[in-house]
Each structure stands twice: as structure tokens, then as C-alpha cells.
N, C-alpha and C. Protein backbone atom coordinates (compact mmCIF):
# COMPACT_ATOMS: atom_id res chain seq x y z
N MET A 1 74.82 -6.01 92.81
CA MET A 1 73.97 -6.23 91.93
C MET A 1 73.65 -7.96 91.84
N LYS A 2 74.73 -8.70 92.09
CA LYS A 2 74.42 -10.01 92.34
C LYS A 2 73.28 -10.17 93.43
N LYS A 3 73.06 -9.46 94.28
CA LYS A 3 72.22 -9.59 95.69
C LYS A 3 70.65 -9.03 95.00
N THR A 4 70.39 -8.23 93.85
CA THR A 4 69.25 -7.85 93.51
C THR A 4 68.86 -8.39 92.35
N GLY A 5 69.95 -9.07 91.36
CA GLY A 5 69.46 -9.42 90.34
C GLY A 5 69.17 -8.70 89.16
N GLU A 6 69.27 -7.19 89.71
CA GLU A 6 68.88 -5.99 88.93
C GLU A 6 69.96 -5.64 87.94
N MET A 7 69.97 -5.10 86.90
CA MET A 7 71.09 -4.44 85.99
C MET A 7 71.70 -3.62 86.67
N PRO A 8 73.00 -3.22 86.80
CA PRO A 8 73.79 -2.20 87.25
C PRO A 8 73.35 -0.75 87.26
N CYS A 9 73.21 -0.50 85.68
CA CYS A 9 72.71 0.69 85.38
C CYS A 9 71.49 1.11 86.07
N SER A 10 70.55 0.13 85.91
CA SER A 10 69.10 0.36 86.60
C SER A 10 69.08 0.74 88.27
N VAL A 11 69.78 -0.04 88.89
CA VAL A 11 69.91 -0.01 90.24
C VAL A 11 70.44 1.86 90.52
N CYS A 12 71.48 1.91 89.86
CA CYS A 12 72.23 2.87 90.18
C CYS A 12 71.38 4.20 89.63
N GLY A 13 70.93 4.18 88.58
CA GLY A 13 69.87 5.27 87.84
C GLY A 13 68.50 5.61 88.88
N VAL A 14 68.12 4.30 89.18
CA VAL A 14 66.77 4.67 90.13
C VAL A 14 67.35 5.19 91.22
N LEU A 15 68.17 4.74 92.13
CA LEU A 15 68.58 5.05 93.53
C LEU A 15 69.20 6.40 93.43
N ARG A 16 69.84 6.67 92.34
CA ARG A 16 70.76 8.23 92.16
C ARG A 16 69.46 9.10 91.95
N ARG A 17 68.63 9.03 91.32
CA ARG A 17 67.24 9.94 91.07
C ARG A 17 66.62 10.35 92.33
N LYS A 18 66.46 9.15 93.02
CA LYS A 18 65.59 9.41 94.12
C LYS A 18 66.32 10.24 95.21
N ILE A 19 67.67 9.93 95.66
CA ILE A 19 68.69 10.66 96.33
C ILE A 19 68.57 12.29 95.81
N LEU A 20 68.78 12.22 94.71
CA LEU A 20 68.91 13.75 93.95
C LEU A 20 67.76 14.50 94.27
N ASN A 21 66.40 13.71 94.44
CA ASN A 21 65.16 14.45 94.62
C ASN A 21 64.97 14.91 95.71
N GLN A 22 65.36 14.10 96.57
CA GLN A 22 65.11 14.22 98.25
C GLN A 22 66.02 15.33 98.56
N LYS A 23 67.60 15.31 98.29
CA LYS A 23 68.01 16.30 98.64
C LYS A 23 67.70 17.71 98.27
N ALA A 24 67.32 17.47 96.82
CA ALA A 24 67.23 19.03 96.43
C ALA A 24 65.89 19.72 97.30
N ARG A 25 65.05 18.75 97.54
CA ARG A 25 63.67 19.18 98.23
C ARG A 25 64.59 19.54 99.59
N GLU A 26 65.10 18.99 100.07
CA GLU A 26 65.73 19.41 101.60
C GLU A 26 66.28 20.51 101.62
N LEU A 27 67.08 21.00 100.46
CA LEU A 27 67.82 22.10 100.18
C LEU A 27 67.10 23.01 99.96
N GLY A 28 65.82 23.11 99.46
CA GLY A 28 64.62 23.74 99.08
C GLY A 28 64.87 24.41 97.48
N LEU A 29 65.62 23.37 96.85
CA LEU A 29 66.14 23.89 95.31
C LEU A 29 64.43 23.68 94.46
N ASP A 30 64.43 24.43 93.77
CA ASP A 30 63.30 24.18 92.48
C ASP A 30 63.71 23.88 91.65
N LYS A 31 64.86 23.66 90.88
CA LYS A 31 65.52 22.73 89.83
C LYS A 31 66.70 21.93 90.24
N ILE A 32 67.10 20.99 89.50
CA ILE A 32 68.35 20.21 89.35
C ILE A 32 68.63 20.28 88.01
N ALA A 33 70.04 20.94 87.98
CA ALA A 33 70.66 20.62 86.49
C ALA A 33 71.52 19.46 86.40
N VAL A 34 70.97 18.90 85.60
CA VAL A 34 71.80 17.49 85.35
C VAL A 34 72.67 17.63 84.06
N ALA A 35 73.78 16.84 83.94
CA ALA A 35 74.60 16.89 82.72
C ALA A 35 74.56 16.08 81.63
N HIS A 36 73.35 15.76 81.39
CA HIS A 36 73.11 14.83 80.35
C HIS A 36 73.12 15.69 79.22
N ASN A 37 73.70 14.84 77.94
CA ASN A 37 74.14 15.54 76.86
C ASN A 37 73.44 14.78 75.70
N MET A 38 73.42 15.37 74.56
CA MET A 38 72.83 14.83 73.13
C MET A 38 73.14 13.19 73.29
N ASP A 39 74.32 12.64 73.28
CA ASP A 39 74.59 11.53 73.18
C ASP A 39 73.77 10.68 74.40
N ASP A 40 73.59 11.18 75.27
CA ASP A 40 73.01 10.57 76.69
C ASP A 40 71.45 10.25 76.13
N GLU A 41 71.02 11.60 75.67
CA GLU A 41 69.74 11.59 75.12
C GLU A 41 69.20 10.64 74.31
N ILE A 42 70.21 10.46 72.88
CA ILE A 42 69.83 9.57 71.76
C ILE A 42 69.91 8.16 72.46
N GLN A 43 70.60 7.73 73.34
CA GLN A 43 70.92 6.36 73.66
C GLN A 43 69.21 6.50 74.76
N SER A 44 68.71 7.31 75.33
CA SER A 44 67.84 6.98 76.17
C SER A 44 66.55 6.98 75.10
N VAL A 45 66.38 7.90 74.16
CA VAL A 45 65.29 7.71 73.27
C VAL A 45 65.44 6.14 72.65
N LEU A 46 66.45 6.03 72.16
CA LEU A 46 66.43 4.74 71.56
C LEU A 46 66.11 3.41 72.34
N MET A 47 66.82 3.45 73.51
CA MET A 47 66.42 2.28 74.45
C MET A 47 64.80 2.34 74.61
N ASN A 48 64.28 3.26 75.00
CA ASN A 48 62.76 3.47 75.19
C ASN A 48 61.85 3.05 74.05
N GLN A 49 62.34 3.43 73.04
CA GLN A 49 61.90 2.85 71.62
C GLN A 49 62.15 1.41 71.34
N PHE A 50 62.99 0.80 71.91
CA PHE A 50 63.33 -0.53 71.29
C PHE A 50 62.60 -1.54 72.49
N ARG A 51 62.38 -0.61 73.72
CA ARG A 51 61.61 -1.57 74.59
C ARG A 51 60.00 -1.27 74.45
N ARG A 52 59.73 -0.42 73.44
CA ARG A 52 58.62 0.09 73.67
C ARG A 52 57.87 0.58 74.52
N ASN A 53 58.52 1.74 75.39
CA ASN A 53 58.28 2.08 76.67
C ASN A 53 58.06 3.66 76.23
N ILE A 54 56.58 3.74 75.53
CA ILE A 54 56.36 5.16 74.91
C ILE A 54 55.96 6.31 76.37
N ARG A 55 55.80 5.66 77.44
CA ARG A 55 55.55 6.72 78.65
C ARG A 55 56.87 7.28 78.82
N ALA A 56 57.84 6.21 79.15
CA ALA A 56 59.09 6.84 79.23
C ALA A 56 59.87 7.95 78.25
N LEU A 57 59.07 7.62 76.88
CA LEU A 57 59.79 8.85 75.82
C LEU A 57 59.31 10.25 76.28
N ALA A 58 58.09 10.32 76.97
CA ALA A 58 57.25 11.70 77.17
C ALA A 58 57.92 12.19 78.36
N ARG A 59 58.68 11.50 78.89
CA ARG A 59 59.46 12.19 80.21
C ARG A 59 60.78 12.73 79.88
N LEU A 60 61.41 12.31 78.58
CA LEU A 60 62.60 12.99 78.23
C LEU A 60 62.57 14.29 77.60
N GLY A 61 63.67 14.97 77.31
CA GLY A 61 63.64 16.16 76.54
C GLY A 61 64.54 17.05 77.50
N PRO A 62 65.10 18.47 76.93
CA PRO A 62 65.78 19.43 77.70
C PRO A 62 65.00 19.92 79.41
N SER A 63 63.76 19.64 79.13
CA SER A 63 62.95 20.06 80.42
C SER A 63 62.35 18.93 80.59
N PRO A 64 62.66 17.73 81.16
CA PRO A 64 62.00 16.30 81.60
C PRO A 64 60.95 16.56 81.90
N GLY A 65 60.01 15.31 82.38
CA GLY A 65 58.95 15.40 83.36
C GLY A 65 57.61 15.69 82.47
N ILE A 66 56.68 14.90 82.92
CA ILE A 66 55.28 15.13 82.55
C ILE A 66 54.40 15.17 83.72
N ILE A 67 54.94 14.94 84.85
CA ILE A 67 54.08 15.01 86.00
C ILE A 67 54.19 16.44 86.80
N LYS A 68 53.71 17.19 87.01
CA LYS A 68 53.86 18.27 88.06
C LYS A 68 53.27 17.51 89.27
N ASN A 69 54.34 17.91 90.46
CA ASN A 69 54.03 17.28 91.65
C ASN A 69 55.04 18.30 92.95
N LYS A 70 54.33 18.76 93.92
CA LYS A 70 55.54 19.43 94.83
C LYS A 70 56.38 18.85 95.29
N LYS A 71 56.48 17.12 95.00
CA LYS A 71 57.66 16.06 95.55
C LYS A 71 58.33 15.93 94.66
N LEU A 72 58.61 16.65 93.17
CA LEU A 72 59.29 16.09 92.51
C LEU A 72 59.89 17.68 91.84
N VAL A 73 61.33 17.37 92.22
CA VAL A 73 62.18 18.74 91.90
C VAL A 73 62.36 18.51 90.28
N LYS A 74 61.80 20.02 89.34
CA LYS A 74 62.20 19.97 88.24
C LYS A 74 63.61 19.62 87.88
N ARG A 75 63.72 18.77 86.93
CA ARG A 75 65.13 18.56 86.25
C ARG A 75 65.13 19.43 84.76
N ILE A 76 66.26 19.98 84.70
CA ILE A 76 66.70 20.67 83.51
C ILE A 76 68.08 19.99 82.84
N LYS A 77 68.16 20.04 81.72
CA LYS A 77 69.47 19.45 80.91
C LYS A 77 70.09 20.58 79.99
N PRO A 78 70.83 21.50 80.68
CA PRO A 78 71.37 22.70 79.91
C PRO A 78 72.31 22.24 78.62
N LEU A 79 72.90 21.08 78.67
CA LEU A 79 73.72 20.67 78.00
C LEU A 79 73.10 19.24 76.86
N TYR A 80 71.67 19.73 76.61
CA TYR A 80 71.02 18.76 76.07
C TYR A 80 71.43 18.66 74.37
N PHE A 81 71.63 19.56 73.86
CA PHE A 81 72.14 19.72 72.16
C PHE A 81 73.54 19.54 72.01
N VAL A 82 74.38 19.28 73.21
CA VAL A 82 75.91 19.46 73.18
C VAL A 82 76.37 17.84 73.28
N ARG A 83 77.11 17.71 72.06
CA ARG A 83 77.72 16.16 72.02
C ARG A 83 78.55 15.96 73.31
N GLU A 84 78.60 14.56 73.48
CA GLU A 84 79.20 14.18 74.65
C GLU A 84 80.89 14.58 74.36
N LYS A 85 81.41 14.24 73.19
CA LYS A 85 82.81 14.34 72.45
C LYS A 85 83.10 16.21 73.00
N GLU A 86 82.02 16.86 72.70
CA GLU A 86 82.52 18.54 72.85
C GLU A 86 82.49 18.60 74.42
N SER A 87 81.56 18.08 75.54
CA SER A 87 81.70 18.59 76.68
C SER A 87 82.70 18.17 77.33
N ALA A 88 83.10 16.63 76.97
CA ALA A 88 84.32 16.05 77.54
C ALA A 88 85.71 17.02 77.33
N SER A 89 85.63 17.38 75.65
CA SER A 89 86.81 17.92 75.34
C SER A 89 86.97 19.71 76.34
N PHE A 90 85.84 20.01 76.42
CA PHE A 90 85.78 21.65 77.06
C PHE A 90 86.00 21.30 78.60
N ALA A 91 85.50 20.08 79.12
CA ALA A 91 86.08 19.64 80.62
C ALA A 91 87.52 19.47 80.65
N PHE A 92 88.05 18.82 79.80
CA PHE A 92 89.43 18.64 79.60
C PHE A 92 90.52 19.69 79.32
N LEU A 93 90.19 20.71 78.72
CA LEU A 93 90.97 21.82 78.48
C LEU A 93 90.60 22.61 79.90
N LYS A 94 89.70 22.77 80.44
CA LYS A 94 89.44 23.58 81.50
C LYS A 94 90.18 23.04 82.79
N GLY A 95 90.38 21.60 82.64
CA GLY A 95 91.21 21.41 83.37
C GLY A 95 90.06 20.43 84.70
N PHE A 96 88.95 20.18 84.07
CA PHE A 96 87.76 19.69 85.12
C PHE A 96 87.89 18.35 85.39
N LEU A 97 88.81 17.62 84.17
CA LEU A 97 88.59 16.24 84.07
C LEU A 97 90.51 16.24 84.06
N ASN A 98 91.07 15.21 84.60
CA ASN A 98 92.43 14.54 84.37
C ASN A 98 92.40 13.49 83.50
N GLY A 99 91.45 12.70 83.24
CA GLY A 99 90.97 11.50 82.49
C GLY A 99 89.71 10.92 82.58
N TYR A 100 89.45 10.21 82.12
CA TYR A 100 87.96 9.34 81.99
C TYR A 100 88.36 8.02 82.25
N SER A 101 87.28 7.57 83.12
CA SER A 101 87.02 6.01 83.25
C SER A 101 85.88 5.82 83.13
N GLU A 102 85.08 4.83 82.45
CA GLU A 102 83.96 4.27 82.54
C GLU A 102 83.43 3.55 83.70
N CYS A 103 82.41 3.65 83.98
CA CYS A 103 81.80 2.46 85.14
C CYS A 103 82.34 1.18 84.98
N PRO A 104 82.76 0.60 85.62
CA PRO A 104 83.01 -0.91 85.31
C PRO A 104 81.84 -1.94 85.02
N ASN A 105 80.75 -1.15 85.67
CA ASN A 105 79.39 -2.13 85.76
C ASN A 105 78.67 -1.83 84.41
N ALA A 106 79.12 -0.87 83.59
CA ALA A 106 78.32 -0.50 82.73
C ALA A 106 78.58 -1.74 81.52
N ARG A 107 80.06 -2.11 81.75
CA ARG A 107 80.44 -2.93 80.25
C ARG A 107 79.31 -3.99 79.94
N GLY A 108 79.12 -4.05 78.64
CA GLY A 108 77.73 -4.87 78.21
C GLY A 108 76.53 -4.38 78.22
N SER A 109 76.46 -3.27 78.89
CA SER A 109 74.81 -2.71 79.05
C SER A 109 74.28 -2.29 77.76
N PHE A 110 72.99 -2.33 77.78
CA PHE A 110 72.38 -1.99 76.73
C PHE A 110 72.65 -0.49 76.31
N ARG A 111 72.80 0.21 77.21
CA ARG A 111 73.21 1.62 76.68
C ARG A 111 74.50 1.70 75.95
N ILE A 112 75.50 1.23 76.76
CA ILE A 112 76.92 1.12 76.13
C ILE A 112 76.78 0.33 74.53
N SER A 113 76.18 -0.71 74.23
CA SER A 113 75.82 -1.26 72.82
C SER A 113 75.22 -0.30 72.04
N LEU A 114 74.12 0.53 72.66
CA LEU A 114 73.40 1.67 71.59
C LEU A 114 74.53 2.67 71.48
N ARG A 115 75.55 3.02 72.46
CA ARG A 115 76.32 4.04 72.24
C ARG A 115 77.20 3.88 71.22
N ASN A 116 77.85 2.61 71.12
CA ASN A 116 78.64 2.08 69.83
C ASN A 116 77.95 2.19 68.84
N PHE A 117 76.77 1.45 68.66
CA PHE A 117 76.07 1.45 67.42
C PHE A 117 76.02 2.90 66.66
N ILE A 118 75.43 3.77 67.53
CA ILE A 118 75.03 5.05 67.23
C ILE A 118 76.37 5.91 66.47
N ASN A 119 77.43 5.70 67.57
CA ASN A 119 78.73 6.20 67.07
C ASN A 119 79.24 5.59 65.59
N ASN A 120 79.09 4.63 65.57
CA ASN A 120 79.55 4.06 63.94
C ASN A 120 78.86 4.54 62.99
N VAL A 121 77.26 4.55 63.16
CA VAL A 121 76.40 4.86 62.31
C VAL A 121 76.83 6.51 62.09
N GLU A 122 76.91 7.22 63.11
CA GLU A 122 77.03 8.68 63.13
C GLU A 122 78.65 8.92 62.18
N ALA A 123 79.78 8.04 62.44
CA ALA A 123 81.04 8.04 61.69
C ALA A 123 80.78 7.71 60.34
N ARG A 124 79.78 6.92 59.80
CA ARG A 124 79.75 6.50 58.51
C ARG A 124 78.68 7.62 58.02
N HIS A 125 77.59 8.09 58.57
CA HIS A 125 76.53 9.00 58.12
C HIS A 125 76.22 10.13 58.98
N PRO A 126 77.31 11.17 58.57
CA PRO A 126 77.28 12.33 59.70
C PRO A 126 75.89 13.14 59.61
N GLY A 127 75.62 13.38 61.05
CA GLY A 127 74.47 14.32 60.91
C GLY A 127 73.17 13.36 61.63
N ILE A 128 73.41 11.79 61.53
CA ILE A 128 72.27 11.25 62.20
C ILE A 128 71.98 11.77 63.81
N LYS A 129 72.89 11.78 64.50
CA LYS A 129 72.85 12.32 65.87
C LYS A 129 71.77 13.36 65.76
N ASN A 130 72.39 14.51 65.40
CA ASN A 130 71.20 15.64 64.99
C ASN A 130 69.84 15.39 64.60
N ASN A 131 69.83 14.57 63.63
CA ASN A 131 68.42 14.22 62.97
C ASN A 131 67.71 13.40 64.26
N ILE A 132 68.09 12.56 64.80
CA ILE A 132 67.54 11.80 66.06
C ILE A 132 67.15 12.72 66.94
N VAL A 133 67.76 13.89 67.34
CA VAL A 133 67.36 14.61 68.62
C VAL A 133 66.42 15.50 68.16
N ASN A 134 66.44 16.17 66.86
CA ASN A 134 65.68 17.09 66.24
C ASN A 134 64.27 16.35 65.70
N SER A 135 64.57 15.20 65.49
CA SER A 135 62.87 14.50 65.42
C SER A 135 62.53 14.29 66.40
N PHE A 136 63.04 13.74 67.53
CA PHE A 136 62.18 13.50 68.88
C PHE A 136 61.88 14.54 69.19
N MET A 137 62.52 16.11 69.41
CA MET A 137 62.07 17.13 69.47
C MET A 137 60.67 17.36 69.27
N GLU A 138 60.48 17.29 67.56
CA GLU A 138 59.20 17.24 66.96
C GLU A 138 58.20 16.31 67.57
N MET A 139 58.53 15.10 68.29
CA MET A 139 57.34 14.59 68.61
C MET A 139 57.05 14.51 69.93
N LEU A 140 57.78 14.97 70.83
CA LEU A 140 57.77 15.22 72.29
C LEU A 140 56.73 16.01 72.47
N PRO A 141 56.19 17.14 71.99
CA PRO A 141 54.90 17.66 72.51
C PRO A 141 53.71 16.82 72.41
N ILE A 142 53.81 16.15 71.34
CA ILE A 142 52.54 14.96 71.22
C ILE A 142 52.62 14.04 72.28
N LEU A 143 53.79 13.52 72.51
CA LEU A 143 54.00 12.28 73.41
C LEU A 143 53.59 13.01 74.79
N ARG A 144 54.04 14.28 75.14
CA ARG A 144 53.62 14.77 76.59
C ARG A 144 51.96 14.87 76.55
N GLN A 145 51.44 15.51 75.64
CA GLN A 145 50.06 15.54 75.80
C GLN A 145 49.11 14.27 75.82
N ALA A 146 50.02 13.25 74.99
CA ALA A 146 49.17 11.90 75.28
C ALA A 146 49.39 11.16 76.70
N TYR A 147 50.53 11.47 77.45
CA TYR A 147 50.80 11.01 78.69
C TYR A 147 50.72 12.10 79.97
N LYS A 148 50.49 13.02 79.57
CA LYS A 148 50.21 14.42 80.39
C LYS A 148 49.66 14.11 81.85
N GLY A 149 50.44 13.92 82.64
CA GLY A 149 49.72 13.36 84.25
C GLY A 149 49.67 12.09 84.54
N LYS A 150 49.57 11.13 83.68
CA LYS A 150 49.27 9.72 83.56
C LYS A 150 50.09 8.88 84.50
N GLY A 151 49.98 8.20 85.26
CA GLY A 151 50.63 7.09 86.34
C GLY A 151 51.27 7.99 87.50
N ALA A 152 50.73 9.07 87.88
CA ALA A 152 51.27 9.71 89.07
C ALA A 152 50.56 9.34 90.45
N ARG A 153 51.44 8.44 91.09
CA ARG A 153 50.99 7.73 92.18
C ARG A 153 51.76 8.17 93.47
N ILE A 154 51.64 7.93 94.64
CA ILE A 154 52.66 8.12 95.88
C ILE A 154 52.91 6.63 96.35
N CYS A 155 53.96 6.41 96.30
CA CYS A 155 54.76 4.97 96.97
C CYS A 155 54.16 4.75 98.15
N ARG A 156 53.55 3.88 98.42
CA ARG A 156 53.08 3.40 99.66
C ARG A 156 54.25 3.52 100.85
N ARG A 157 55.34 3.16 100.35
CA ARG A 157 56.38 3.25 101.32
C ARG A 157 57.26 4.01 101.89
N CYS A 158 57.52 4.84 100.95
CA CYS A 158 58.61 6.07 101.09
C CYS A 158 58.04 7.47 100.79
N GLY A 159 56.61 7.37 100.21
CA GLY A 159 55.85 8.50 100.04
C GLY A 159 56.41 9.41 99.02
N GLU A 160 57.20 8.86 98.03
CA GLU A 160 57.90 9.57 97.02
C GLU A 160 57.15 9.15 95.62
N VAL A 161 57.05 10.42 94.59
CA VAL A 161 55.95 9.82 93.40
C VAL A 161 56.52 8.74 92.56
N SER A 162 55.63 7.93 92.24
CA SER A 162 55.85 6.71 91.45
C SER A 162 54.86 6.67 90.65
N SER A 163 55.14 5.61 89.75
CA SER A 163 54.30 5.21 88.45
C SER A 163 53.53 4.17 89.14
N GLN A 164 54.25 3.24 90.12
CA GLN A 164 53.24 2.11 90.52
C GLN A 164 53.01 2.52 92.31
N LYS A 165 52.34 1.49 92.82
CA LYS A 165 52.10 1.64 94.21
C LYS A 165 53.30 1.66 94.97
N GLU A 166 54.29 1.14 94.39
CA GLU A 166 55.61 0.75 95.26
C GLU A 166 56.65 1.41 94.44
N CYS A 167 57.55 2.36 94.35
CA CYS A 167 58.41 2.74 93.75
C CYS A 167 59.62 1.79 93.45
N ARG A 168 60.21 1.87 92.42
CA ARG A 168 61.36 0.85 91.84
C ARG A 168 62.34 0.96 93.45
N ALA A 169 62.69 2.04 93.68
CA ALA A 169 63.92 2.30 94.83
C ALA A 169 63.43 1.64 95.97
N CYS A 170 62.47 1.47 96.26
CA CYS A 170 61.96 0.84 97.85
C CYS A 170 61.55 -1.31 97.28
N LYS A 171 61.72 -1.52 95.99
CA LYS A 171 61.82 -2.56 95.80
C LYS A 171 63.02 -2.97 95.56
N ILE A 172 63.81 -2.09 95.03
CA ILE A 172 65.45 -2.70 95.23
C ILE A 172 66.19 -2.73 96.45
N LEU A 173 65.64 -1.92 97.32
CA LEU A 173 66.13 -1.78 98.71
C LEU A 173 65.93 -2.71 99.52
N GLU A 174 64.53 -3.24 99.26
CA GLU A 174 63.58 -4.57 99.91
C GLU A 174 64.82 -5.62 99.31
N LYS A 175 65.00 -5.98 98.09
CA LYS A 175 65.74 -7.00 97.78
C LYS A 175 67.13 -7.06 98.63
N LEU A 176 67.84 -5.77 98.63
CA LEU A 176 68.90 -5.46 99.22
C LEU A 176 68.94 -6.33 100.70
N SER A 177 67.81 -5.50 101.18
CA SER A 177 67.70 -5.67 102.58
C SER A 177 67.22 -7.43 103.05
N ALA A 178 66.36 -7.72 102.15
CA ALA A 178 66.04 -9.32 102.50
C ALA A 178 67.37 -10.20 102.20
N ASN A 179 68.17 -9.92 101.26
CA ASN A 179 69.24 -10.70 100.73
C ASN A 179 70.40 -10.50 101.77
N ASN A 180 70.42 -9.49 102.68
CA ASN A 180 71.21 -8.97 103.46
C ASN A 180 70.88 -9.78 104.89
N LEU A 181 69.63 -9.86 105.28
CA LEU A 181 69.16 -10.98 106.58
C LEU A 181 69.40 -12.29 106.20
N LYS A 182 69.13 -12.62 104.95
CA LYS A 182 69.50 -14.20 104.75
C LYS A 182 70.90 -14.36 104.86
N LYS A 183 72.06 -13.64 104.53
CA LYS A 183 73.16 -14.13 104.92
C LYS A 183 73.64 -13.47 106.57
N GLY A 184 72.63 -13.02 107.11
CA GLY A 184 72.84 -12.91 108.52
C GLY A 184 73.82 -11.46 108.82
N GLY A 185 73.37 -10.52 107.77
CA GLY A 185 74.05 -9.33 107.89
C GLY A 185 73.16 -8.46 108.56
N ASN A 186 73.92 -7.24 108.79
CA ASN A 186 72.68 -6.12 109.13
C ASN A 186 71.76 -5.46 108.33
N LYS A 187 70.63 -4.73 108.76
CA LYS A 187 69.58 -4.22 108.02
C LYS A 187 70.25 -2.93 107.62
């Protein structure tokens, strides 16, 4: 992260999404099921509202996306209405988890701050999380209609779908490569 000047969660998310999409296409999959839960979605909704990134809000939801393109493998969120605590408890009881450790790079991130804030509000006012998700679900069709198909381009470097001429993944990889060359490392 020091090499790019980017936030760790941004780098991880951008590169992870690109790799998942490429691998899914390679395997001939038509959908990717991700484990995002209600808490994840609430954090994403609030982060995008606070950053005034309305177009990104239109891409959220249990069946995310506003762009249909053969290069984009559809993502689905089967745990969308399940709280993080419920899914973690289930995974632990079924023996899927021995313990839980948070990414050390996430400390102090905007997402973690929002998670803590929302958990505190929910503890004082039970039902807030459900209200956020349900009100967002009511707005989602309007957002999708407003941004339907907007911003679909092809990255000039890698050929993946992007909202810009060059995708964020290529920009991050370029920064890493340039930084590595300055220090005399391999490309």
C-alpha cells in the first residue's frame, strides 16, 4: 500500500473483483456468488452516500450491476438479508470457522468506522439495519433506471469493462510496476 498511495481496501477490492471476473469467465461460469451480507451492504450504501457516489449505489443490491456485458460475469449475494453476526455464528457452529481475524490493513478504514457507528446505533435503536436495507431496496429500481448502461467502456490496456478509459486495476498495477522499477526490482 505504501508503494501505491492507495487505501488498502481499495486496492484489494479492485484487484479481487478483476481476478474473480477473469477467472469466472475462464471457467465458463455465468454467475459468481459472493458472501456479502446485510452489514457489508449497509456499509457500502453509506460509504457511497457519504462520498456522493450515486452511480456506485445503483450497482449495489442482492443482484448487483447496471451494465450488461459479456465480459462481466453476473454477481449474486445470497446472504444479502443475513446479518454478519448470524452468518458468522452459523459458520462457527458448522465448523467452517475456527476463529475470526480481521484484515490488519482494514484498521482505521472508512468501512470499519461506519461498521462501528452502525453497530452502535443498532444497539441503541434496534431495527435500524433492517430499515436502511429496506429503504435502499425501495430506491434501487429508481437508481438503476437513472444509471442504466451509463459509464460502460472497455479499458484500453487490459480489455476489461471499466467506467474510465483505463480501469482502476491497471492504474494500480502501473503504480506498483513503476515503483518497483524505481527501486531496481523486477517488473
